[in-house]
Every structure is written in structure tokens, then in C-alpha cells.
Amino acid sequence: MKNAMTPQGWIRKFRLAFSGLFWAIRTEGSFVVHIPAALLALALAGFLQFELTRWAMLLMTIGFVLVAELINTSLESLGRAIDKNPDENIRIALDVGSAAVLTSSMFAVVVGVLLYWQPFWLWWNGA
């Protein structure tokens, strides 16, 4: 059976998924910004000693931005594979994918301000 969920099948699925992740990180220029920003956010959260709820919100926010970027990268790759010539529908799909990344990034900034404001203020005032 083609789709049997054997341990070997799951291992293959994870291998393919990680292959796609590492390909996107190596080839998509936006990850040059997203990965260091995520690492900086995590380091600052550790320095400010975030409690569990803040860690959870931070990780979900980072994950949301990275997933949006991965989906956009897959749309870009698929668009190039479908047609090398300019196509209005492909252009719209790519623009909407880019808008998804932009929107998730803007919301991540807002969430970041909400998450970091109080702990930073307390640290700044020596509390």
C-alpha cells in the first residue's frame, strides 16, 4: 500500500520535510532576516527571564512568521515551475503570498512589543 503509515514511511516524510526546510533556509533570502531576528528575540526573552506563557506566545509568533515564509517560498517555486513567462494569475498568487509574510511579520512586531514591554520595563527600573 502506497500510503501505509509504517515507521519507515514516517521517517521518509520527516526526511523530506527537513530537506524542504533546509533548502528554503539556504536559498530564500528572507530567512537571512527571519532567523537572526528569531534568535535575537529568543536570547532577549532568556535574558528577561520570560515566564512560560510569554515563551509560548513568542514561539507561536516566531513559528507563524516562519511558516508564512515557507508557504510563500513554496508558492514562488511552484510559480516558476508552472510558467517561466509572465502570468497575471501567478503574479497575484505570489503577491498574496508575500502579503502573508508581511502581515505575519507586522503582527509579530506588535506581539513582540506586548510581550517585551513589561519585562523590559521591570529590568530597566531594576525591579
Protein backbone atom coordinates (compact mmCIF):
# COMPACT_ATOMS: atom_id res chain seq x y z
CA MET A 1 0.00 0.00 0.00
CA LYS A 2 1.45 3.36 -1.09
CA ASN A 3 0.39 5.48 1.89
CA ALA A 4 0.91 2.92 4.66
CA MET A 5 1.99 4.68 7.83
CA THR A 6 4.86 2.42 8.74
CA PRO A 7 7.82 3.69 10.76
CA GLN A 8 9.82 3.81 7.51
CA GLY A 9 7.03 5.87 5.92
CA TRP A 10 7.10 8.38 8.77
CA ILE A 11 10.89 8.58 8.65
CA ARG A 12 10.71 9.30 4.91
CA LYS A 13 8.09 12.02 5.47
CA PHE A 14 10.21 13.70 8.15
CA ARG A 15 13.33 13.44 5.96
CA LEU A 16 11.52 15.11 3.05
CA ALA A 17 10.10 17.81 5.31
CA PHE A 18 13.51 18.62 6.81
CA SER A 19 15.02 18.60 3.32
CA GLY A 20 12.47 21.21 2.25
CA LEU A 21 13.08 23.28 5.38
CA PHE A 22 16.86 23.31 4.93
CA TRP A 23 16.53 24.05 1.19
CA ALA A 24 14.31 27.06 1.94
CA ILE A 25 16.66 28.35 4.63
CA ARG A 26 19.66 28.03 2.29
CA THR A 27 18.03 29.54 -0.78
CA GLU A 28 15.41 32.05 0.40
CA GLY A 29 16.97 35.42 1.20
CA SER A 30 14.26 36.36 3.68
CA PHE A 31 15.50 33.74 6.11
CA VAL A 32 18.69 35.81 6.42
CA VAL A 33 16.47 38.30 8.28
CA HIS A 34 13.96 35.95 9.93
CA ILE A 35 16.41 33.51 11.55
CA PRO A 36 18.68 36.11 13.21
CA ALA A 37 15.60 38.08 14.33
CA ALA A 38 14.14 34.93 15.88
CA LEU A 39 17.42 34.10 17.62
CA LEU A 40 17.70 37.65 18.94
CA ALA A 41 14.11 37.51 20.22
CA LEU A 42 14.81 34.18 21.96
CA ALA A 43 18.04 35.44 23.51
CA LEU A 44 16.34 38.60 24.79
CA ALA A 45 13.47 36.53 26.20
CA GLY A 46 16.01 34.41 28.06
CA PHE A 47 17.80 37.50 29.37
CA LEU A 48 14.49 39.00 30.57
CA GLN A 49 13.53 35.63 32.08
CA PHE A 50 10.19 35.26 30.33
CA GLU A 51 7.63 33.13 32.14
CA LEU A 52 6.10 30.12 30.42
CA THR A 53 3.13 31.97 28.89
CA ARG A 54 5.36 34.59 27.28
CA TRP A 55 7.66 31.85 25.93
CA ALA A 56 4.67 30.06 24.41
CA MET A 57 3.38 33.23 22.74
CA LEU A 58 6.86 34.10 21.47
CA LEU A 59 7.43 30.63 20.00
CA MET A 60 4.00 30.63 18.34
CA THR A 61 4.67 34.05 16.85
CA ILE A 62 8.08 33.07 15.52
CA GLY A 63 6.62 29.85 14.13
CA PHE A 64 3.79 31.75 12.45
CA VAL A 65 6.22 34.03 10.59
CA LEU A 66 8.49 31.14 9.56
CA VAL A 67 5.53 29.06 8.33
CA ALA A 68 4.24 32.02 6.31
CA GLU A 69 7.70 32.40 4.76
CA LEU A 70 7.88 28.68 3.95
CA ILE A 71 4.46 28.75 2.28
CA ASN A 72 5.44 31.83 0.30
CA THR A 73 8.69 30.17 -0.76
CA SER A 74 6.78 27.10 -1.94
CA LEU A 75 4.40 29.33 -3.94
CA GLU A 76 7.34 31.09 -5.56
CA SER A 77 8.96 27.79 -6.51
CA LEU A 78 5.69 26.39 -7.84
CA GLY A 79 5.03 29.57 -9.82
CA ARG A 80 8.43 29.31 -11.51
CA ALA A 81 7.81 25.64 -12.32
CA ILE A 82 4.38 26.26 -13.84
CA ASP A 83 5.30 29.05 -16.23
CA LYS A 84 8.51 30.95 -16.89
CA ASN A 85 6.58 33.63 -18.80
CA PRO A 86 4.77 36.48 -17.07
CA ASP A 87 1.29 35.39 -15.99
CA GLU A 88 -1.13 37.68 -14.16
CA ASN A 89 -2.63 34.92 -12.00
CA ILE A 90 0.78 33.65 -10.92
CA ARG A 91 1.85 37.22 -10.14
CA ILE A 92 -1.24 37.74 -7.98
CA ALA A 93 -0.64 34.45 -6.14
CA LEU A 94 2.98 35.43 -5.47
CA ASP A 95 1.97 38.92 -4.32
CA VAL A 96 -0.61 37.48 -1.94
CA GLY A 97 1.98 35.03 -0.59
CA SER A 98 4.33 37.95 0.03
CA ALA A 99 1.48 39.83 1.71
CA ALA A 100 1.01 36.87 4.06
CA VAL A 101 4.64 37.12 5.14
CA LEU A 102 4.40 40.89 5.53
CA THR A 103 1.19 40.62 7.56
CA SER A 104 2.58 37.91 9.83
CA SER A 105 5.75 39.95 10.35
CA MET A 106 3.81 43.10 11.23
CA PHE A 107 1.68 41.19 13.74
CA ALA A 108 4.86 39.62 15.15
CA VAL A 109 6.22 43.09 15.84
CA VAL A 110 3.01 44.05 17.67
CA VAL A 111 3.07 40.81 19.68
CA GLY A 112 6.75 41.42 20.43
CA VAL A 113 6.02 44.87 21.84
CA LEU A 114 3.27 43.40 24.01
CA LEU A 115 5.48 40.54 25.21
CA TYR A 116 8.64 42.53 25.90
CA TRP A 117 7.31 45.81 27.23
CA GLN A 118 6.64 44.84 30.86
CA PRO A 119 9.70 42.61 31.42
CA PHE A 120 11.94 45.21 29.80
CA TRP A 121 10.43 48.00 31.90
CA LEU A 122 10.95 45.99 35.08
CA TRP A 123 14.55 45.20 34.14
CA TRP A 124 15.24 48.84 33.20
CA ASN A 125 13.94 50.05 36.56
CA GLY A 126 15.84 47.39 38.48
CA ALA A 127 12.71 45.69 39.84
